[in-house]
Amino acid sequence: MYWDGGWVWMAFMPLLWIVLIGLAVWAVVRLTRHPAGRGDGPDRGWTHRETPEEILDRRFASGEIDADAYNEARKHLAAHRPGPR
């Protein structure tokens, strides 16, 4: 008895090509996607997402806001900070 498994390969090959093309597309997207805003830290190459306090500090340091506005905003942020969960 001779069994010809050619039909199995005919069914398997399109699936193999779909998987290979899918992997290639995934790799290209993964390598070219801009990672900004992920906030997963510098060890993964992604940018750090600023906290409201850091934004306020940066704006005060650059002269966008004065000391009174800075202090008032700091108090507001401290009063509305969510507690520990």
PDB file of N, CA and C in Angstrom:
ATOM      1  N   MET A   1       0.841  -1.180   0.000  1.00  0.00           N
ATOM      2  CA  MET A   1       0.000   0.000   0.000  1.00  0.00           C
ATOM      3  C   MET A   1       0.883   1.239   0.000  1.00  0.00           C
ATOM      4  N   TYR A   2       0.598   2.093  -0.910  1.00  0.00           N
ATOM      5  CA  TYR A   2       1.346   3.335  -1.033  1.00  0.00           C
ATOM      6  C   TYR A   2       0.392   4.492  -0.779  1.00  0.00           C
ATOM      7  N   TRP A   3       0.775   5.351   0.182  1.00  0.00           N
ATOM      8  CA  TRP A   3      -0.061   6.507   0.500  1.00  0.00           C
ATOM      9  C   TRP A   3       0.640   7.757   0.030  1.00  0.00           C
ATOM     10  N   ASP A   4      -0.006   8.491  -0.825  1.00  0.00           N
ATOM     11  CA  ASP A   4       0.563   9.733  -1.346  1.00  0.00           C
ATOM     12  C   ASP A   4       0.012  10.891  -0.512  1.00  0.00           C
ATOM     13  N   GLY A   5       0.881  11.531   0.272  1.00  0.00           N
ATOM     14  CA  GLY A   5       0.450  12.631   1.148  1.00  0.00           C
ATOM     15  C   GLY A   5       0.532  13.988   0.480  1.00  0.00           C
ATOM     16  N   GLY A   6       0.483  14.045  -0.834  1.00  0.00           N
ATOM     17  CA  GLY A   6       0.587  15.312  -1.545  1.00  0.00           C
ATOM     18  C   GLY A   6      -0.518  16.292  -1.200  1.00  0.00           C
ATOM     19  N   TRP A   7      -1.706  15.786  -0.969  1.00  0.00           N
ATOM     20  CA  TRP A   7      -2.814  16.682  -0.641  1.00  0.00           C
ATOM     21  C   TRP A   7      -2.595  17.362   0.709  1.00  0.00           C
ATOM     22  N   VAL A   8      -1.866  16.687   1.609  1.00  0.00           N
ATOM     23  CA  VAL A   8      -1.577  17.290   2.908  1.00  0.00           C
ATOM     24  C   VAL A   8      -0.673  18.506   2.720  1.00  0.00           C
ATOM     25  N   TRP A   9       0.351  18.360   1.895  1.00  0.00           N
ATOM     26  CA  TRP A   9       1.251  19.486   1.620  1.00  0.00           C
ATOM     27  C   TRP A   9       0.528  20.610   0.897  1.00  0.00           C
ATOM     28  N   MET A  10      -0.399  20.253   0.012  1.00  0.00           N
ATOM     29  CA  MET A  10      -1.164  21.291  -0.698  1.00  0.00           C
ATOM     30  C   MET A  10      -2.025  22.091   0.279  1.00  0.00           C
ATOM     31  N   ALA A  11      -2.505  21.457   1.337  1.00  0.00           N
ATOM     32  CA  ALA A  11      -3.307  22.159   2.337  1.00  0.00           C
ATOM     33  C   ALA A  11      -2.414  22.925   3.309  1.00  0.00           C
ATOM     34  N   PHE A  12      -1.240  22.390   3.586  1.00  0.00           N
ATOM     35  CA  PHE A  12      -0.349  22.978   4.583  1.00  0.00           C
ATOM     36  C   PHE A  12       0.423  24.188   4.052  1.00  0.00           C
ATOM     37  N   MET A  13       0.823  24.180   2.806  1.00  0.00           N
ATOM     38  CA  MET A  13       1.661  25.250   2.254  1.00  0.00           C
ATOM     39  C   MET A  13       1.007  26.638   2.311  1.00  0.00           C
ATOM     40  N   PRO A  14      -0.266  26.793   1.943  1.00  0.00           N
ATOM     41  CA  PRO A  14      -0.865  28.135   2.085  1.00  0.00           C
ATOM     42  C   PRO A  14      -0.852  28.621   3.539  1.00  0.00           C
ATOM     43  N   LEU A  15      -1.089  27.702   4.475  1.00  0.00           N
ATOM     44  CA  LEU A  15      -1.041  28.093   5.886  1.00  0.00           C
ATOM     45  C   LEU A  15       0.360  28.519   6.284  1.00  0.00           C
ATOM     46  N   LEU A  16       1.358  27.830   5.812  1.00  0.00           N
ATOM     47  CA  LEU A  16       2.744  28.191   6.095  1.00  0.00           C
ATOM     48  C   LEU A  16       3.066  29.578   5.551  1.00  0.00           C
ATOM     49  N   TRP A  17       2.639  29.860   4.329  1.00  0.00           N
ATOM     50  CA  TRP A  17       2.898  31.181   3.740  1.00  0.00           C
ATOM     51  C   TRP A  17       2.163  32.288   4.493  1.00  0.00           C
ATOM     52  N   ILE A  18       0.942  32.006   4.919  1.00  0.00           N
ATOM     53  CA  ILE A  18       0.191  33.007   5.687  1.00  0.00           C
ATOM     54  C   ILE A  18       0.918  33.319   6.995  1.00  0.00           C
ATOM     55  N   VAL A  19       1.410  32.287   7.670  1.00  0.00           N
ATOM     56  CA  VAL A  19       2.135  32.487   8.918  1.00  0.00           C
ATOM     57  C   VAL A  19       3.431  33.262   8.675  1.00  0.00           C
ATOM     58  N   LEU A  20       4.180  32.908   7.642  1.00  0.00           N
ATOM     59  CA  LEU A  20       5.435  33.603   7.353  1.00  0.00           C
ATOM     60  C   LEU A  20       5.207  35.067   6.989  1.00  0.00           C
ATOM     61  N   ILE A  21       4.215  35.343   6.167  1.00  0.00           N
ATOM     62  CA  ILE A  21       3.910  36.730   5.798  1.00  0.00           C
ATOM     63  C   ILE A  21       3.427  37.504   7.022  1.00  0.00           C
ATOM     64  N   GLY A  22       2.603  36.862   7.864  1.00  0.00           N
ATOM     65  CA  GLY A  22       2.137  37.508   9.097  1.00  0.00           C
ATOM     66  C   GLY A  22       3.287  37.855  10.023  1.00  0.00           C
ATOM     67  N   LEU A  23       4.248  36.948  10.162  1.00  0.00           N
ATOM     68  CA  LEU A  23       5.420  37.235  10.992  1.00  0.00           C
ATOM     69  C   LEU A  23       6.249  38.380  10.431  1.00  0.00           C
ATOM     70  N   ALA A  24       6.396  38.432   9.113  1.00  0.00           N
ATOM     71  CA  ALA A  24       7.159  39.514   8.496  1.00  0.00           C
ATOM     72  C   ALA A  24       6.470  40.861   8.731  1.00  0.00           C
ATOM     73  N   VAL A  25       5.154  40.901   8.564  1.00  0.00           N
ATOM     74  CA  VAL A  25       4.404  42.147   8.787  1.00  0.00           C
ATOM     75  C   VAL A  25       4.511  42.556  10.256  1.00  0.00           C
ATOM     76  N   TRP A  26       4.350  41.595  11.171  1.00  0.00           N
ATOM     77  CA  TRP A  26       4.464  41.893  12.596  1.00  0.00           C
ATOM     78  C   TRP A  26       5.846  42.462  12.928  1.00  0.00           C
ATOM     79  N   ALA A  27       6.898  41.874  12.362  1.00  0.00           N
ATOM     80  CA  ALA A  27       8.260  42.341  12.638  1.00  0.00           C
ATOM     81  C   ALA A  27       8.474  43.765  12.128  1.00  0.00           C
ATOM     82  N   VAL A  28       7.976  44.049  10.931  1.00  0.00           N
ATOM     83  CA  VAL A  28       8.141  45.399  10.376  1.00  0.00           C
ATOM     84  C   VAL A  28       7.394  46.412  11.230  1.00  0.00           C
ATOM     85  N   VAL A  29       6.170  46.103  11.612  1.00  0.00           N
ATOM     86  CA  VAL A  29       5.387  47.024  12.441  1.00  0.00           C
ATOM     87  C   VAL A  29       6.055  47.208  13.798  1.00  0.00           C
ATOM     88  N   ARG A  30       6.519  46.143  14.382  1.00  0.00           N
ATOM     89  CA  ARG A  30       7.156  46.200  15.703  1.00  0.00           C
ATOM     90  C   ARG A  30       8.440  47.036  15.676  1.00  0.00           C
ATOM     91  N   LEU A  31       9.209  46.923  14.599  1.00  0.00           N
ATOM     92  CA  LEU A  31      10.480  47.631  14.523  1.00  0.00           C
ATOM     93  C   LEU A  31      10.342  49.086  14.085  1.00  0.00           C
ATOM     94  N   THR A  32       9.265  49.428  13.397  1.00  0.00           N
ATOM     95  CA  THR A  32       9.122  50.789  12.885  1.00  0.00           C
ATOM     96  C   THR A  32       8.128  51.626  13.668  1.00  0.00           C
ATOM     97  N   ARG A  33       7.369  51.032  14.559  1.00  0.00           N
ATOM     98  CA  ARG A  33       6.374  51.783  15.321  1.00  0.00           C
ATOM     99  C   ARG A  33       7.067  52.755  16.256  1.00  0.00           C
ATOM    100  N   HIS A  34       6.562  53.974  16.330  1.00  0.00           N
ATOM    101  CA  HIS A  34       7.127  54.999  17.214  1.00  0.00           C
ATOM    102  C   HIS A  34       6.687  54.697  18.640  1.00  0.00           C
ATOM    103  N   PRO A  35       7.618  54.470  19.555  1.00  0.00           N
ATOM    104  CA  PRO A  35       7.256  54.050  20.899  1.00  0.00           C
ATOM    105  C   PRO A  35       6.895  55.170  21.869  1.00  0.00           C
ATOM    106  N   ALA A  36       6.855  56.425  21.438  1.00  0.00           N
ATOM    107  CA  ALA A  36       6.594  57.534  22.357  1.00  0.00           C
ATOM    108  C   ALA A  36       5.245  57.376  23.026  1.00  0.00           C
ATOM    109  N   GLY A  37       5.213  57.735  24.281  1.00  0.00           N
ATOM    110  CA  GLY A  37       3.964  57.705  25.017  1.00  0.00           C
ATOM    111  C   GLY A  37       3.682  56.392  25.710  1.00  0.00           C
ATOM    112  N   ARG A  38       4.522  55.409  25.547  1.00  0.00           N
ATOM    113  CA  ARG A  38       4.289  54.128  26.189  1.00  0.00           C
ATOM    114  C   ARG A  38       4.553  54.193  27.679  1.00  0.00           C
ATOM    115  N   GLY A  39       5.551  54.991  28.065  1.00  0.00           N
ATOM    116  CA  GLY A  39       5.826  55.179  29.473  1.00  0.00           C
ATOM    117  C   GLY A  39       6.382  53.959  30.175  1.00  0.00           C
ATOM    118  N   ASP A  40       7.009  53.068  29.449  1.00  0.00           N
ATOM    119  CA  ASP A  40       7.534  51.857  30.052  1.00  0.00           C
ATOM    120  C   ASP A  40       8.978  51.995  30.489  1.00  0.00           C
ATOM    121  N   GLY A  41       9.505  53.173  30.458  1.00  0.00           N
ATOM    122  CA  GLY A  41      10.830  53.412  30.999  1.00  0.00           C
ATOM    123  C   GLY A  41      11.933  53.431  29.969  1.00  0.00           C
ATOM    124  N   PRO A  42      13.061  54.003  30.368  1.00  0.00           N
ATOM    125  CA  PRO A  42      14.174  54.157  29.440  1.00  0.00           C
ATOM    126  C   PRO A  42      14.870  52.848  29.115  1.00  0.00           C
ATOM    127  N   ASP A  43      14.689  51.808  29.930  1.00  0.00           N
ATOM    128  CA  ASP A  43      15.354  50.546  29.654  1.00  0.00           C
ATOM    129  C   ASP A  43      14.808  49.867  28.414  1.00  0.00           C
ATOM    130  N   ARG A  44      13.603  50.207  27.988  1.00  0.00           N
ATOM    131  CA  ARG A  44      13.013  49.630  26.789  1.00  0.00           C
ATOM    132  C   ARG A  44      13.093  50.598  25.606  1.00  0.00           C
ATOM    133  N   GLY A  45      13.684  51.773  25.808  1.00  0.00           N
ATOM    134  CA  GLY A  45      13.815  52.740  24.723  1.00  0.00           C
ATOM    135  C   GLY A  45      12.608  53.631  24.553  1.00  0.00           C
ATOM    136  N   TRP A  46      11.650  53.547  25.443  1.00  0.00           N
ATOM    137  CA  TRP A  46      10.448  54.346  25.329  1.00  0.00           C
ATOM    138  C   TRP A  46      10.564  55.576  26.210  1.00  0.00           C
ATOM    139  N   THR A  47       9.876  56.620  25.808  1.00  0.00           N
ATOM    140  CA  THR A  47       9.973  57.873  26.540  1.00  0.00           C
ATOM    141  C   THR A  47       9.175  57.820  27.835  1.00  0.00           C
ATOM    142  N   HIS A  48       9.630  58.598  28.798  1.00  0.00           N
ATOM    143  CA  HIS A  48       8.970  58.695  30.098  1.00  0.00           C
ATOM    144  C   HIS A  48       7.787  59.646  29.987  1.00  0.00           C
ATOM    145  N   ARG A  49       6.653  59.254  30.511  1.00  0.00           N
ATOM    146  CA  ARG A  49       5.482  60.122  30.519  1.00  0.00           C
ATOM    147  C   ARG A  49       5.553  61.011  31.751  1.00  0.00           C
ATOM    148  N   GLU A  50       5.517  62.325  31.537  1.00  0.00           N
ATOM    149  CA  GLU A  50       5.658  63.280  32.633  1.00  0.00           C
ATOM    150  C   GLU A  50       4.439  63.259  33.541  1.00  0.00           C
ATOM    151  N   THR A  51       4.704  63.382  34.836  1.00  0.00           N
ATOM    152  CA  THR A  51       3.622  63.527  35.804  1.00  0.00           C
ATOM    153  C   THR A  51       3.177  64.991  35.800  1.00  0.00           C
ATOM    154  N   PRO A  52       2.001  65.278  36.344  1.00  0.00           N
ATOM    155  CA  PRO A  52       1.559  66.680  36.403  1.00  0.00           C
ATOM    156  C   PRO A  52       2.556  67.566  37.158  1.00  0.00           C
ATOM    157  N   GLU A  53       3.157  67.020  38.208  1.00  0.00           N
ATOM    158  CA  GLU A  53       4.135  67.805  38.967  1.00  0.00           C
ATOM    159  C   GLU A  53       5.374  68.113  38.128  1.00  0.00           C
ATOM    160  N   GLU A  54       5.824  67.157  37.343  1.00  0.00           N
ATOM    161  CA  GLU A  54       6.992  67.382  36.482  1.00  0.00           C
ATOM    162  C   GLU A  54       6.683  68.417  35.403  1.00  0.00           C
ATOM    163  N   ILE A  55       5.485  68.366  34.858  1.00  0.00           N
ATOM    164  CA  ILE A  55       5.085  69.370  33.865  1.00  0.00           C
ATOM    165  C   ILE A  55       5.064  70.755  34.499  1.00  0.00           C
ATOM    166  N   LEU A  56       4.503  70.834  35.698  1.00  0.00           N
ATOM    167  CA  LEU A  56       4.446  72.110  36.411  1.00  0.00           C
ATOM    168  C   LEU A  56       5.849  72.629  36.708  1.00  0.00           C
ATOM    169  N   ASP A  57       6.732  71.750  37.189  1.00  0.00           N
ATOM    170  CA  ASP A  57       8.118  72.145  37.465  1.00  0.00           C
ATOM    171  C   ASP A  57       8.814  72.659  36.200  1.00  0.00           C
ATOM    172  N   ARG A  58       8.610  71.953  35.093  1.00  0.00           N
ATOM    173  CA  ARG A  58       9.243  72.356  33.828  1.00  0.00           C
ATOM    174  C   ARG A  58       8.718  73.719  33.367  1.00  0.00           C
ATOM    175  N   ARG A  59       7.416  73.929  33.479  1.00  0.00           N
ATOM    176  CA  ARG A  59       6.834  75.215  33.063  1.00  0.00           C
ATOM    177  C   ARG A  59       7.328  76.355  33.944  1.00  0.00           C
ATOM    178  N   PHE A  60       7.483  76.108  35.246  1.00  0.00           N
ATOM    179  CA  PHE A  60       8.001  77.135  36.150  1.00  0.00           C
ATOM    180  C   PHE A  60       9.471  77.425  35.836  1.00  0.00           C
ATOM    181  N   ALA A  61      10.226  76.371  35.599  1.00  0.00           N
ATOM    182  CA  ALA A  61      11.657  76.544  35.300  1.00  0.00           C
ATOM    183  C   ALA A  61      11.877  77.284  33.987  1.00  0.00           C
ATOM    184  N   SER A  62      10.985  77.096  33.024  1.00  0.00           N
ATOM    185  CA  SER A  62      11.161  77.770  31.738  1.00  0.00           C
ATOM    186  C   SER A  62      10.601  79.193  31.740  1.00  0.00           C
ATOM    187  N   GLY A  63       9.910  79.583  32.829  1.00  0.00           N
ATOM    188  CA  GLY A  63       9.391  80.935  32.930  1.00  0.00           C
ATOM    189  C   GLY A  63       7.995  81.106  32.357  1.00  0.00           C
ATOM    190  N   GLU A  64       7.313  80.010  32.026  1.00  0.00           N
ATOM    191  CA  GLU A  64       5.952  80.108  31.487  1.00  0.00           C
ATOM    192  C   GLU A  64       4.960  80.581  32.540  1.00  0.00           C
ATOM    193  N   ILE A  65       5.217  80.220  33.801  1.00  0.00           N
ATOM    194  CA  ILE A  65       4.330  80.638  34.891  1.00  0.00           C
ATOM    195  C   ILE A  65       5.171  81.270  35.992  1.00  0.00           C
ATOM    196  N   ASP A  66       4.524  82.136  36.782  1.00  0.00           N
ATOM    197  CA  ASP A  66       5.255  82.796  37.867  1.00  0.00           C
ATOM    198  C   ASP A  66       5.135  81.982  39.158  1.00  0.00           C
ATOM    199  N   ALA A  67       5.800  82.468  40.218  1.00  0.00           N
ATOM    200  CA  ALA A  67       5.860  81.734  41.477  1.00  0.00           C
ATOM    201  C   ALA A  67       4.479  81.582  42.117  1.00  0.00           C
ATOM    202  N   ASP A  68       3.637  82.609  42.016  1.00  0.00           N
ATOM    203  CA  ASP A  68       2.295  82.519  42.602  1.00  0.00           C
ATOM    204  C   ASP A  68       1.465  81.437  41.912  1.00  0.00           C
ATOM    205  N   ALA A  69       1.485  81.424  40.597  1.00  0.00           N
ATOM    206  CA  ALA A  69       0.736  80.404  39.851  1.00  0.00           C
ATOM    207  C   ALA A  69       1.296  79.010  40.128  1.00  0.00           C
ATOM    208  N   TYR A  70       2.612  78.925  40.246  1.00  0.00           N
ATOM    209  CA  TYR A  70       3.261  77.642  40.548  1.00  0.00           C
ATOM    210  C   TYR A  70       2.802  77.110  41.903  1.00  0.00           C
ATOM    211  N   ASN A  71       2.874  77.951  42.921  1.00  0.00           N
ATOM    212  CA  ASN A  71       2.485  77.523  44.269  1.00  0.00           C
ATOM    213  C   ASN A  71       1.006  77.157  44.343  1.00  0.00           C
ATOM    214  N   GLU A  72       0.157  77.928  43.689  1.00  0.00           N
ATOM    215  CA  GLU A  72      -1.270  77.627  43.687  1.00  0.00           C
ATOM    216  C   GLU A  72      -1.548  76.296  42.980  1.00  0.00           C
ATOM    217  N   ALA A  73      -0.885  76.075  41.867  1.00  0.00           N
ATOM    218  CA  ALA A  73      -1.074  74.818  41.140  1.00  0.00           C
ATOM    219  C   ALA A  73      -0.559  73.634  41.951  1.00  0.00           C
ATOM    220  N   ARG A  74       0.560  73.800  42.640  1.00  0.00           N
ATOM    221  CA  ARG A  74       1.093  72.732  43.500  1.00  0.00           C
ATOM    222  C   ARG A  74       0.095  72.362  44.585  1.00  0.00           C
ATOM    223  N   LYS A  75      -0.512  73.384  45.228  1.00  0.00           N
ATOM    224  CA  LYS A  75      -1.511  73.125  46.260  1.00  0.00           C
ATOM    225  C   LYS A  75      -2.721  72.396  45.682  1.00  0.00           C
ATOM    226  N   HIS A  76      -3.142  72.821  44.506  1.00  0.00           N
ATOM    227  CA  HIS A  76      -4.292  72.197  43.845  1.00  0.00           C
ATOM    228  C   HIS A  76      -3.992  70.728  43.520  1.00  0.00           C
ATOM    229  N   LEU A  77      -2.811  70.462  43.004  1.00  0.00           N
ATOM    230  CA  LEU A  77      -2.441  69.085  42.680  1.00  0.00           C
ATOM    231  C   LEU A  77      -2.366  68.217  43.939  1.00  0.00           C
ATOM    232  N   ALA A  78      -1.813  68.760  45.007  1.00  0.00           N
ATOM    233  CA  ALA A  78      -1.701  68.005  46.249  1.00  0.00           C
ATOM    234  C   ALA A  78      -3.077  67.690  46.830  1.00  0.00           C
ATOM    235  N   ALA A  79      -4.012  68.639  46.721  1.00  0.00           N
ATOM    236  CA  ALA A  79      -5.350  68.440  47.268  1.00  0.00           C
ATOM    237  C   ALA A  79      -6.159  67.426  46.470  1.00  0.00           C
ATOM    238  N   HIS A  80      -5.878  67.294  45.179  1.00  0.00           N
ATOM    239  CA  HIS A  80      -6.654  66.405  44.322  1.00  0.00           C
ATOM    240  C   HIS A  80      -5.917  65.118  43.939  1.00  0.00           C
ATOM    241  N   ARG A  81      -4.841  64.847  44.614  1.00  0.00           N
ATOM    242  CA  ARG A  81      -4.084  63.613  44.331  1.00  0.00           C
ATOM    243  C   ARG A  81      -4.875  62.422  44.874  1.00  0.00           C
ATOM    244  N   PRO A  82      -5.040  61.391  44.046  1.00  0.00           N
ATOM    245  CA  PRO A  82      -5.750  60.207  44.532  1.00  0.00           C
ATOM    246  C   PRO A  82      -4.954  59.496  45.621  1.00  0.00           C
ATOM    247  N   GLY A  83      -5.640  58.970  46.588  1.00  0.00           N
ATOM    248  CA  GLY A  83      -4.990  58.270  47.688  1.00  0.00           C
ATOM    249  C   GLY A  83      -4.524  56.892  47.282  1.00  0.00           C
ATOM    250  N   PRO A  84      -3.827  56.204  48.179  1.00  0.00           N
ATOM    251  CA  PRO A  84      -3.353  54.848  47.882  1.00  0.00           C
ATOM    252  C   PRO A  84      -4.530  53.891  47.759  1.00  0.00           C
ATOM    253  N   ARG A  85      -4.354  52.892  46.903  1.00  0.00           N
ATOM    254  CA  ARG A  85      -5.446  51.939  46.657  1.00  0.00           C
ATOM    255  C   ARG A  85      -5.223  50.655  47.378  1.00  0.00           C
TER     256      ARG A  85
END
